[in-house]
């Protein structure tokens, strides 16, 4: 078995945790894949994290939820199951903590479950060209910090259904409902659900509410032209792109899925309460 090990060494105890995982892999005759200068000794060195994902059988990330989210697109693209070991503050997506590494022996016996998470395909038609992104958590349209509020309309199946005046809006997966959307007042969704969550950010209206669409919905968003408003879009905190009134953003369920390895079954809502109380 080939284990791809991706570690965020900015986290405290990341190197020690990685070495413990390598030792567990060695004891089970598994090959460890990693990148160069990664503070542990992989059996095979890859050029980058994408190559690690492409060539492994199972991927293991060590860090916070951000480490998982930033590498989950590669895991989904190459159809590789992913286990997250949490070294972050919250860790909703990671399944085990550093003191639970003994559970990793189950990787080699197949005694684990797979939890499939829905992703979003985001397409931006801009200046006659199309750019595509995959979102694990969310795509966010937001105003420049020095601009006034933005007017953003949303269409469902090519029919306009709502217009918000707000600092921005975001389209989230159920996984992303506990991320930025939660901070913006959005509802908590069980992560295994299949739906698209629309959450306005600081809307300037009493009637502005979050909306949950079914998984088959095809949504589009337009920013209305205003001389004092400048907008951008980010996907999972990355892929920064300027958005103008001529651009069309389309959001739909992705054909890709993220497969998360579950070694320890944990009640999502109990975990949510515990994590938020701690932080």
C-alpha atoms as a PDB file:
ATOM      1  CA  UNK A   1       0.000   0.000   0.000  1.00  0.00           C
ATOM      2  CA  UNK A   2       1.197   3.522  -0.840  1.00  0.00           C
ATOM      3  CA  UNK A   3       0.394   6.247   1.698  1.00  0.00           C
ATOM      4  CA  UNK A   4       0.657   9.863   0.550  1.00  0.00           C
ATOM      5  CA  UNK A   5       1.612  12.014   3.531  1.00  0.00           C
ATOM      6  CA  UNK A   6       1.004  15.771   3.308  1.00  0.00           C
ATOM      7  CA  UNK A   7       2.004  17.821   6.351  1.00  0.00           C
ATOM      8  CA  UNK A   8       1.568  21.469   7.305  1.00  0.00           C
ATOM      9  CA  UNK A   9       4.810  22.063   9.193  1.00  0.00           C
ATOM     10  CA  UNK A  10       3.610  25.477  10.359  1.00  0.00           C
ATOM     11  CA  UNK A  11       1.558  23.599  12.954  1.00  0.00           C
ATOM     12  CA  UNK A  12       3.004  22.796  16.370  1.00  0.00           C
ATOM     13  CA  UNK A  13       4.100  19.143  16.688  1.00  0.00           C
ATOM     14  CA  UNK A  14       3.611  18.557  12.957  1.00  0.00           C
ATOM     15  CA  UNK A  15       7.056  16.991  12.455  1.00  0.00           C
ATOM     16  CA  UNK A  16       6.705  14.631  15.426  1.00  0.00           C
ATOM     17  CA  UNK A  17       3.236  13.591  14.306  1.00  0.00           C
ATOM     18  CA  UNK A  18       4.471  12.938  10.773  1.00  0.00           C
ATOM     19  CA  UNK A  19       7.317  10.758  12.053  1.00  0.00           C
ATOM     20  CA  UNK A  20       4.883   8.699  14.138  1.00  0.00           C
ATOM     21  CA  UNK A  21       2.722   8.157  11.052  1.00  0.00           C
ATOM     22  CA  UNK A  22       5.773   7.100   9.028  1.00  0.00           C
ATOM     23  CA  UNK A  23       6.643   4.591  11.751  1.00  0.00           C
ATOM     24  CA  UNK A  24       3.126   3.148  11.659  1.00  0.00           C
ATOM     25  CA  UNK A  25       3.373   2.830   7.873  1.00  0.00           C
ATOM     26  CA  UNK A  26       6.751   1.084   8.133  1.00  0.00           C
ATOM     27  CA  UNK A  27       5.368  -1.391  10.674  1.00  0.00           C
ATOM     28  CA  UNK A  28       2.658  -2.277   8.157  1.00  0.00           C
ATOM     29  CA  UNK A  29       5.002  -2.543   5.146  1.00  0.00           C
ATOM     30  CA  UNK A  30       3.468   0.514   3.483  1.00  0.00           C
ATOM     31  CA  UNK A  31       5.358   2.855   1.144  1.00  0.00           C
ATOM     32  CA  UNK A  32       5.279   6.533   2.169  1.00  0.00           C
ATOM     33  CA  UNK A  33       5.122   9.245  -0.497  1.00  0.00           C
ATOM     34  CA  UNK A  34       6.023  12.853   0.299  1.00  0.00           C
ATOM     35  CA  UNK A  35       7.603  15.995  -1.087  1.00  0.00           C
ATOM     36  CA  UNK A  36      11.222  17.057  -0.775  1.00  0.00           C
ATOM     37  CA  UNK A  37      12.452  18.723   2.443  1.00  0.00           C
ATOM     38  CA  UNK A  38       9.401  17.550   4.364  1.00  0.00           C
ATOM     39  CA  UNK A  39      11.126  16.842   7.740  1.00  0.00           C
ATOM     40  CA  UNK A  40      10.501  13.109   7.463  1.00  0.00           C
ATOM     41  CA  UNK A  41      12.034  10.522   5.175  1.00  0.00           C
ATOM     42  CA  UNK A  42       9.538   9.353   2.551  1.00  0.00           C
ATOM     43  CA  UNK A  43      10.218   6.195   0.586  1.00  0.00           C
ATOM     44  CA  UNK A  44       9.385   8.120  -2.577  1.00  0.00           C
ATOM     45  CA  UNK A  45       9.818  11.850  -3.189  1.00  0.00           C
ATOM     46  CA  UNK A  46       7.263  13.598  -5.386  1.00  0.00           C
ATOM     47  CA  UNK A  47       7.473  16.987  -7.082  1.00  0.00           C
ATOM     48  CA  UNK A  48       4.446  18.438  -5.282  1.00  0.00           C
ATOM     49  CA  UNK A  49       1.302  17.530  -3.347  1.00  0.00           C
ATOM     50  CA  UNK A  50      -0.670  16.863  -6.516  1.00  0.00           C
ATOM     51  CA  UNK A  51       1.853  14.223  -7.568  1.00  0.00           C
ATOM     52  CA  UNK A  52       1.624  12.706  -4.089  1.00  0.00           C
ATOM     53  CA  UNK A  53      -2.161  12.424  -4.490  1.00  0.00           C
ATOM     54  CA  UNK A  54      -1.920  11.054  -8.011  1.00  0.00           C
ATOM     55  CA  UNK A  55       0.409   8.204  -7.047  1.00  0.00           C
ATOM     56  CA  UNK A  56      -0.808   7.144  -3.602  1.00  0.00           C
ATOM     57  CA  UNK A  57      -3.505   4.657  -2.621  1.00  0.00           C
ATOM     58  CA  UNK A  58      -4.572   6.598   0.465  1.00  0.00           C
ATOM     59  CA  UNK A  59      -3.764  10.206   1.361  1.00  0.00           C
ATOM     60  CA  UNK A  60      -3.135  11.399   4.916  1.00  0.00           C
ATOM     61  CA  UNK A  61      -2.973  15.091   5.779  1.00  0.00           C
ATOM     62  CA  UNK A  62      -1.538  16.455   9.020  1.00  0.00           C
ATOM     63  CA  UNK A  63      -2.622  19.977   9.944  1.00  0.00           C
ATOM     64  CA  UNK A  64      -5.873  21.859  10.245  1.00  0.00           C
ATOM     65  CA  UNK A  65      -8.999  21.772   8.112  1.00  0.00           C
ATOM     66  CA  UNK A  66      -7.281  24.222   5.770  1.00  0.00           C
ATOM     67  CA  UNK A  67      -4.644  21.603   4.972  1.00  0.00           C
ATOM     68  CA  UNK A  68      -7.391  19.162   4.010  1.00  0.00           C
ATOM     69  CA  UNK A  69      -9.389  21.710   1.998  1.00  0.00           C
ATOM     70  CA  UNK A  70      -6.352  22.878  -0.005  1.00  0.00           C
ATOM     71  CA  UNK A  71      -5.476  19.302  -0.981  1.00  0.00           C
ATOM     72  CA  UNK A  72      -8.965  17.825  -1.239  1.00  0.00           C
ATOM     73  CA  UNK A  73      -9.333  18.935  -4.867  1.00  0.00           C
ATOM     74  CA  UNK A  74      -6.416  16.690  -5.829  1.00  0.00           C
ATOM     75  CA  UNK A  75      -7.860  13.817  -3.818  1.00  0.00           C
ATOM     76  CA  UNK A  76     -11.208  14.209  -5.584  1.00  0.00           C
ATOM     77  CA  UNK A  77      -9.599  14.615  -9.012  1.00  0.00           C
ATOM     78  CA  UNK A  78      -7.656  11.358  -8.671  1.00  0.00           C
ATOM     79  CA  UNK A  79     -10.403   9.554  -6.720  1.00  0.00           C
ATOM     80  CA  UNK A  80      -8.229   8.935  -3.654  1.00  0.00           C
ATOM     81  CA  UNK A  81      -9.635   8.516  -0.122  1.00  0.00           C
ATOM     82  CA  UNK A  82      -8.280  11.023   2.374  1.00  0.00           C
ATOM     83  CA  UNK A  83      -7.726  10.882   6.128  1.00  0.00           C
ATOM     84  CA  UNK A  84      -7.237  14.085   8.089  1.00  0.00           C
ATOM     85  CA  UNK A  85      -5.199  14.216  11.305  1.00  0.00           C
ATOM     86  CA  UNK A  86      -6.104  17.397  13.148  1.00  0.00           C
ATOM     87  CA  UNK A  87      -3.471  19.794  14.442  1.00  0.00           C
ATOM     88  CA  UNK A  88      -5.674  22.849  13.961  1.00  0.00           C
ATOM     89  CA  UNK A  89      -7.881  24.793  16.328  1.00  0.00           C
ATOM     90  CA  UNK A  90     -11.226  23.305  15.277  1.00  0.00           C
ATOM     91  CA  UNK A  91     -10.923  20.404  12.866  1.00  0.00           C
ATOM     92  CA  UNK A  92     -14.441  19.703  11.607  1.00  0.00           C
ATOM     93  CA  UNK A  93     -13.201  17.849   8.506  1.00  0.00           C
ATOM     94  CA  UNK A  94     -10.302  15.939  10.087  1.00  0.00           C
ATOM     95  CA  UNK A  95     -11.285  12.617  11.625  1.00  0.00           C
ATOM     96  CA  UNK A  96      -8.654  11.872  14.264  1.00  0.00           C
ATOM     97  CA  UNK A  97      -6.497  13.774  16.735  1.00  0.00           C
ATOM     98  CA  UNK A  98      -2.744  13.182  17.333  1.00  0.00           C
ATOM     99  CA  UNK A  99      -3.502  11.081  20.429  1.00  0.00           C
ATOM    100  CA  UNK A 100      -5.629   8.770  18.264  1.00  0.00           C
ATOM    101  CA  UNK A 101      -2.912   7.742  15.793  1.00  0.00           C
ATOM    102  CA  UNK A 102      -3.230   4.112  16.883  1.00  0.00           C
ATOM    103  CA  UNK A 103      -6.487   4.071  14.916  1.00  0.00           C
ATOM    104  CA  UNK A 104      -4.413   4.326  11.732  1.00  0.00           C
ATOM    105  CA  UNK A 105      -3.632   0.608  11.883  1.00  0.00           C
ATOM    106  CA  UNK A 106      -7.147   0.103  10.545  1.00  0.00           C
ATOM    107  CA  UNK A 107      -6.090   1.667   7.243  1.00  0.00           C
ATOM    108  CA  UNK A 108      -4.113  -1.468   6.463  1.00  0.00           C
ATOM    109  CA  UNK A 109      -6.895  -3.892   7.358  1.00  0.00           C
ATOM    110  CA  UNK A 110      -9.627  -1.992   5.512  1.00  0.00           C
ATOM    111  CA  UNK A 111     -11.619  -1.472   8.724  1.00  0.00           C
ATOM    112  CA  UNK A 112     -12.835   2.022   7.964  1.00  0.00           C
ATOM    113  CA  UNK A 113     -15.777   3.794   6.361  1.00  0.00           C
ATOM    114  CA  UNK A 114     -15.831   6.322   3.540  1.00  0.00           C
ATOM    115  CA  UNK A 115     -17.884   9.497   3.846  1.00  0.00           C
ATOM    116  CA  UNK A 116     -18.614  11.131   0.504  1.00  0.00           C
ATOM    117  CA  UNK A 117     -18.783  14.931   0.398  1.00  0.00           C
ATOM    118  CA  UNK A 118     -20.341  17.013  -2.361  1.00  0.00           C
ATOM    119  CA  UNK A 119     -18.183  19.599  -4.168  1.00  0.00           C
ATOM    120  CA  UNK A 120     -19.112  22.576  -6.350  1.00  0.00           C
ATOM    121  CA  UNK A 121     -18.046  23.453  -9.874  1.00  0.00           C
ATOM    122  CA  UNK A 122     -17.584  27.206 -10.287  1.00  0.00           C
ATOM    123  CA  UNK A 123     -17.319  28.649 -13.793  1.00  0.00           C
ATOM    124  CA  UNK A 124     -16.501  32.300 -14.525  1.00  0.00           C
ATOM    125  CA  UNK A 125     -17.185  33.581 -18.042  1.00  0.00           C
ATOM    126  CA  UNK A 126     -14.946  36.632 -18.334  1.00  0.00           C
ATOM    127  CA  UNK A 127     -13.795  38.586 -21.379  1.00  0.00           C
ATOM    128  CA  UNK A 128     -14.883  35.816 -23.723  1.00  0.00           C
ATOM    129  CA  UNK A 129     -12.968  33.165 -21.793  1.00  0.00           C
ATOM    130  CA  UNK A 130     -14.130  30.557 -19.310  1.00  0.00           C
ATOM    131  CA  UNK A 131     -12.300  29.700 -16.085  1.00  0.00           C
ATOM    132  CA  UNK A 132     -13.308  26.745 -13.911  1.00  0.00           C
ATOM    133  CA  UNK A 133     -12.692  26.002 -10.238  1.00  0.00           C
ATOM    134  CA  UNK A 134     -13.687  23.300  -7.755  1.00  0.00           C
ATOM    135  CA  UNK A 135     -14.918  24.345  -4.316  1.00  0.00           C
ATOM    136  CA  UNK A 136     -14.741  22.113  -1.268  1.00  0.00           C
ATOM    137  CA  UNK A 137     -16.092  24.758   1.124  1.00  0.00           C
ATOM    138  CA  UNK A 138     -17.355  27.770  -0.793  1.00  0.00           C
ATOM    139  CA  UNK A 139     -17.064  30.354  -3.525  1.00  0.00           C
ATOM    140  CA  UNK A 140     -17.290  33.933  -2.240  1.00  0.00           C
ATOM    141  CA  UNK A 141     -18.094  37.114  -4.139  1.00  0.00           C
ATOM    142  CA  UNK A 142     -17.024  40.061  -2.004  1.00  0.00           C
ATOM    143  CA  UNK A 143     -16.553  43.799  -2.353  1.00  0.00           C
ATOM    144  CA  UNK A 144     -13.231  45.563  -2.085  1.00  0.00           C
ATOM    145  CA  UNK A 145     -12.544  46.773   1.451  1.00  0.00           C
ATOM    146  CA  UNK A 146     -12.722  50.422   0.302  1.00  0.00           C
ATOM    147  CA  UNK A 147     -15.825  49.985  -1.881  1.00  0.00           C
ATOM    148  CA  UNK A 148     -19.447  50.493  -0.959  1.00  0.00           C
ATOM    149  CA  UNK A 149     -21.895  47.591  -0.819  1.00  0.00           C
ATOM    150  CA  UNK A 150     -22.347  45.489  -3.937  1.00  0.00           C
ATOM    151  CA  UNK A 151     -25.607  44.676  -5.706  1.00  0.00           C
ATOM    152  CA  UNK A 152     -25.532  40.996  -6.659  1.00  0.00           C
ATOM    153  CA  UNK A 153     -28.351  39.123  -8.386  1.00  0.00           C
ATOM    154  CA  UNK A 154     -28.825  35.357  -8.425  1.00  0.00           C
ATOM    155  CA  UNK A 155     -30.610  33.318 -11.076  1.00  0.00           C
ATOM    156  CA  UNK A 156     -31.874  29.762 -10.902  1.00  0.00           C
ATOM    157  CA  UNK A 157     -32.018  27.906 -14.219  1.00  0.00           C
ATOM    158  CA  UNK A 158     -31.558  31.247 -16.069  1.00  0.00           C
ATOM    159  CA  UNK A 159     -34.402  32.992 -14.224  1.00  0.00           C
ATOM    160  CA  UNK A 160     -33.546  35.768 -11.763  1.00  0.00           C
ATOM    161  CA  UNK A 161     -34.872  34.975  -8.310  1.00  0.00           C
ATOM    162  CA  UNK A 162     -33.252  37.450  -5.919  1.00  0.00           C
ATOM    163  CA  UNK A 163     -30.978  40.487  -5.657  1.00  0.00           C
ATOM    164  CA  UNK A 164     -28.915  41.307  -2.582  1.00  0.00           C
ATOM    165  CA  UNK A 165     -27.245  44.543  -1.557  1.00  0.00           C
ATOM    166  CA  UNK A 166     -24.484  43.310   0.716  1.00  0.00           C
ATOM    167  CA  UNK A 167     -20.772  43.153   1.402  1.00  0.00           C
ATOM    168  CA  UNK A 168     -20.853  39.946  -0.603  1.00  0.00           C
ATOM    169  CA  UNK A 169     -22.399  36.512  -0.937  1.00  0.00           C
ATOM    170  CA  UNK A 170     -21.177  32.975  -0.827  1.00  0.00           C
ATOM    171  CA  UNK A 171     -22.207  29.646  -2.284  1.00  0.00           C
ATOM    172  CA  UNK A 172     -21.281  26.813   0.076  1.00  0.00           C
ATOM    173  CA  UNK A 173     -21.311  23.054   0.177  1.00  0.00           C
ATOM    174  CA  UNK A 174     -22.691  21.296   3.277  1.00  0.00           C
ATOM    175  CA  UNK A 175     -19.045  20.789   4.295  1.00  0.00           C
ATOM    176  CA  UNK A 176     -18.558  24.559   4.018  1.00  0.00           C
ATOM    177  CA  UNK A 177     -21.629  25.353   6.118  1.00  0.00           C
ATOM    178  CA  UNK A 178     -19.431  25.344   9.237  1.00  0.00           C
ATOM    179  CA  UNK A 179     -16.804  27.617   7.655  1.00  0.00           C
ATOM    180  CA  UNK A 180     -17.280  31.186   6.348  1.00  0.00           C
ATOM    181  CA  UNK A 181     -21.032  30.698   5.888  1.00  0.00           C
ATOM    182  CA  UNK A 182     -21.395  29.891   9.582  1.00  0.00           C
ATOM    183  CA  UNK A 183     -19.530  33.092  10.508  1.00  0.00           C
ATOM    184  CA  UNK A 184     -21.876  35.015   8.194  1.00  0.00           C
ATOM    185  CA  UNK A 185     -24.936  33.671  10.015  1.00  0.00           C
ATOM    186  CA  UNK A 186     -25.703  30.721   7.768  1.00  0.00           C
ATOM    187  CA  UNK A 187     -27.261  27.458   8.988  1.00  0.00           C
ATOM    188  CA  UNK A 188     -25.316  24.349   9.932  1.00  0.00           C
ATOM    189  CA  UNK A 189     -25.918  21.508   7.479  1.00  0.00           C
ATOM    190  CA  UNK A 190     -25.079  17.865   8.034  1.00  0.00           C
ATOM    191  CA  UNK A 191     -21.997  17.439   5.822  1.00  0.00           C
ATOM    192  CA  UNK A 192     -23.241  14.332   3.986  1.00  0.00           C
ATOM    193  CA  UNK A 193     -26.214  16.240   2.528  1.00  0.00           C
ATOM    194  CA  UNK A 194     -26.358  17.068  -1.184  1.00  0.00           C
ATOM    195  CA  UNK A 195     -27.372  20.713  -1.599  1.00  0.00           C
ATOM    196  CA  UNK A 196     -26.080  24.216  -2.316  1.00  0.00           C
ATOM    197  CA  UNK A 197     -26.213  26.899   0.370  1.00  0.00           C
ATOM    198  CA  UNK A 198     -26.508  30.586  -0.544  1.00  0.00           C
ATOM    199  CA  UNK A 199     -25.531  32.990   2.252  1.00  0.00           C
ATOM    200  CA  UNK A 200     -25.430  36.796   1.906  1.00  0.00           C
ATOM    201  CA  UNK A 201     -22.604  38.536   3.786  1.00  0.00           C
ATOM    202  CA  UNK A 202     -23.792  41.535   5.843  1.00  0.00           C
ATOM    203  CA  UNK A 203     -26.915  42.175   3.703  1.00  0.00           C
ATOM    204  CA  UNK A 204     -28.518  45.615   3.911  1.00  0.00           C
ATOM    205  CA  UNK A 205     -32.123  44.408   4.269  1.00  0.00           C
ATOM    206  CA  UNK A 206     -34.236  42.855   7.015  1.00  0.00           C
ATOM    207  CA  UNK A 207     -35.706  40.400   4.529  1.00  0.00           C
ATOM    208  CA  UNK A 208     -32.372  38.993   3.286  1.00  0.00           C
ATOM    209  CA  UNK A 209     -32.083  35.335   4.218  1.00  0.00           C
ATOM    210  CA  UNK A 210     -29.994  32.281   3.447  1.00  0.00           C
ATOM    211  CA  UNK A 211     -31.394  29.884   0.856  1.00  0.00           C
ATOM    212  CA  UNK A 212     -30.747  26.140   0.436  1.00  0.00           C
ATOM    213  CA  UNK A 213     -31.065  24.729  -3.093  1.00  0.00           C
ATOM    214  CA  UNK A 214     -31.220  21.086  -4.100  1.00  0.00           C
ATOM    215  CA  UNK A 215     -28.175  19.383  -5.589  1.00  0.00           C
ATOM    216  CA  UNK A 216     -29.488  19.674  -9.166  1.00  0.00           C
ATOM    217  CA  UNK A 217     -29.816  23.463  -9.066  1.00  0.00           C
ATOM    218  CA  UNK A 218     -27.776  25.463 -11.572  1.00  0.00           C
ATOM    219  CA  UNK A 219     -27.211  28.952 -10.164  1.00  0.00           C
ATOM    220  CA  UNK A 220     -25.657  32.019 -11.715  1.00  0.00           C
ATOM    221  CA  UNK A 221     -24.599  35.321 -10.177  1.00  0.00           C
ATOM    222  CA  UNK A 222     -24.074  38.804 -11.627  1.00  0.00           C
ATOM    223  CA  UNK A 223     -22.571  41.871  -9.987  1.00  0.00           C
ATOM    224  CA  UNK A 224     -24.447  45.028 -10.985  1.00  0.00           C
ATOM    225  CA  UNK A 225     -22.350  47.912 -12.237  1.00  0.00           C
ATOM    226  CA  UNK A 226     -21.759  50.745  -9.798  1.00  0.00           C
ATOM    227  CA  UNK A 227     -19.050  53.366 -10.145  1.00  0.00           C
ATOM    228  CA  UNK A 228     -17.897  53.000  -6.535  1.00  0.00           C
ATOM    229  CA  UNK A 229     -18.063  49.226  -6.226  1.00  0.00           C
ATOM    230  CA  UNK A 230     -15.243  46.782  -7.009  1.00  0.00           C
ATOM    231  CA  UNK A 231     -15.708  43.042  -6.470  1.00  0.00           C
ATOM    232  CA  UNK A 232     -13.613  39.895  -6.337  1.00  0.00           C
ATOM    233  CA  UNK A 233     -14.209  36.175  -6.078  1.00  0.00           C
ATOM    234  CA  UNK A 234     -12.265  33.615  -4.080  1.00  0.00           C
ATOM    235  CA  UNK A 235     -12.738  29.847  -3.997  1.00  0.00           C
ATOM    236  CA  UNK A 236     -11.841  28.157  -0.692  1.00  0.00           C
ATOM    237  CA  UNK A 237      -9.793  31.213   0.195  1.00  0.00           C
ATOM    238  CA  UNK A 238      -7.719  30.904  -2.984  1.00  0.00           C
ATOM    239  CA  UNK A 239      -8.056  31.566  -6.748  1.00  0.00           C
ATOM    240  CA  UNK A 240      -8.445  35.323  -6.348  1.00  0.00           C
ATOM    241  CA  UNK A 241     -10.164  36.824  -9.431  1.00  0.00           C
ATOM    242  CA  UNK A 242     -11.631  40.279 -10.212  1.00  0.00           C
ATOM    243  CA  UNK A 243     -15.359  40.280 -11.023  1.00  0.00           C
ATOM    244  CA  UNK A 244     -17.028  42.918 -13.209  1.00  0.00           C
ATOM    245  CA  UNK A 245     -20.627  43.489 -14.270  1.00  0.00           C
ATOM    246  CA  UNK A 246     -19.966  41.755 -17.607  1.00  0.00           C
ATOM    247  CA  UNK A 247     -18.900  38.511 -15.939  1.00  0.00           C
ATOM    248  CA  UNK A 248     -21.173  35.564 -15.299  1.00  0.00           C
ATOM    249  CA  UNK A 249     -20.516  33.144 -12.442  1.00  0.00           C
ATOM    250  CA  UNK A 250     -22.170  29.722 -12.631  1.00  0.00           C
ATOM    251  CA  UNK A 251     -22.429  27.376  -9.675  1.00  0.00           C
ATOM    252  CA  UNK A 252     -23.466  23.723  -9.838  1.00  0.00           C
ATOM    253  CA  UNK A 253     -22.789  20.390  -8.173  1.00  0.00           C
ATOM    254  CA  UNK A 254     -19.481  18.887  -9.258  1.00  0.00           C
ATOM    255  CA  UNK A 255     -19.202  15.432 -10.797  1.00  0.00           C
ATOM    256  CA  UNK A 256     -16.252  14.912  -8.419  1.00  0.00           C
ATOM    257  CA  UNK A 257     -16.675  13.816  -4.812  1.00  0.00           C
ATOM    258  CA  UNK A 258     -14.381  14.016  -1.831  1.00  0.00           C
ATOM    259  CA  UNK A 259     -13.976  10.666  -0.041  1.00  0.00           C
ATOM    260  CA  UNK A 260     -13.099  11.150   3.614  1.00  0.00           C
ATOM    261  CA  UNK A 261     -11.831   8.173   5.595  1.00  0.00           C
ATOM    262  CA  UNK A 262     -13.682   7.647   8.873  1.00  0.00           C
ATOM    263  CA  UNK A 263     -11.693   5.637  11.410  1.00  0.00           C
ATOM    264  CA  UNK A 264     -13.715   6.859  14.370  1.00  0.00           C
ATOM    265  CA  UNK A 265     -17.435   7.527  13.982  1.00  0.00           C
ATOM    266  CA  UNK A 266     -18.274  10.777  15.749  1.00  0.00           C
ATOM    267  CA  UNK A 267     -21.632  12.486  16.171  1.00  0.00           C
ATOM    268  CA  UNK A 268     -21.380  15.591  13.993  1.00  0.00           C
ATOM    269  CA  UNK A 269     -23.601  17.812  16.144  1.00  0.00           C
ATOM    270  CA  UNK A 270     -21.953  16.731  19.383  1.00  0.00           C
ATOM    271  CA  UNK A 271     -18.558  17.402  17.797  1.00  0.00           C
ATOM    272  CA  UNK A 272     -19.792  20.809  16.606  1.00  0.00           C
ATOM    273  CA  UNK A 273     -20.830  21.805  20.132  1.00  0.00           C
ATOM    274  CA  UNK A 274     -17.561  20.581  21.651  1.00  0.00           C
ATOM    275  CA  UNK A 275     -15.357  22.338  19.088  1.00  0.00           C
ATOM    276  CA  UNK A 276     -17.177  25.653  19.285  1.00  0.00           C
ATOM    277  CA  UNK A 277     -17.138  25.643  23.081  1.00  0.00           C
ATOM    278  CA  UNK A 278     -13.394  25.042  23.023  1.00  0.00           C
ATOM    279  CA  UNK A 279     -12.843  27.985  20.690  1.00  0.00           C
END
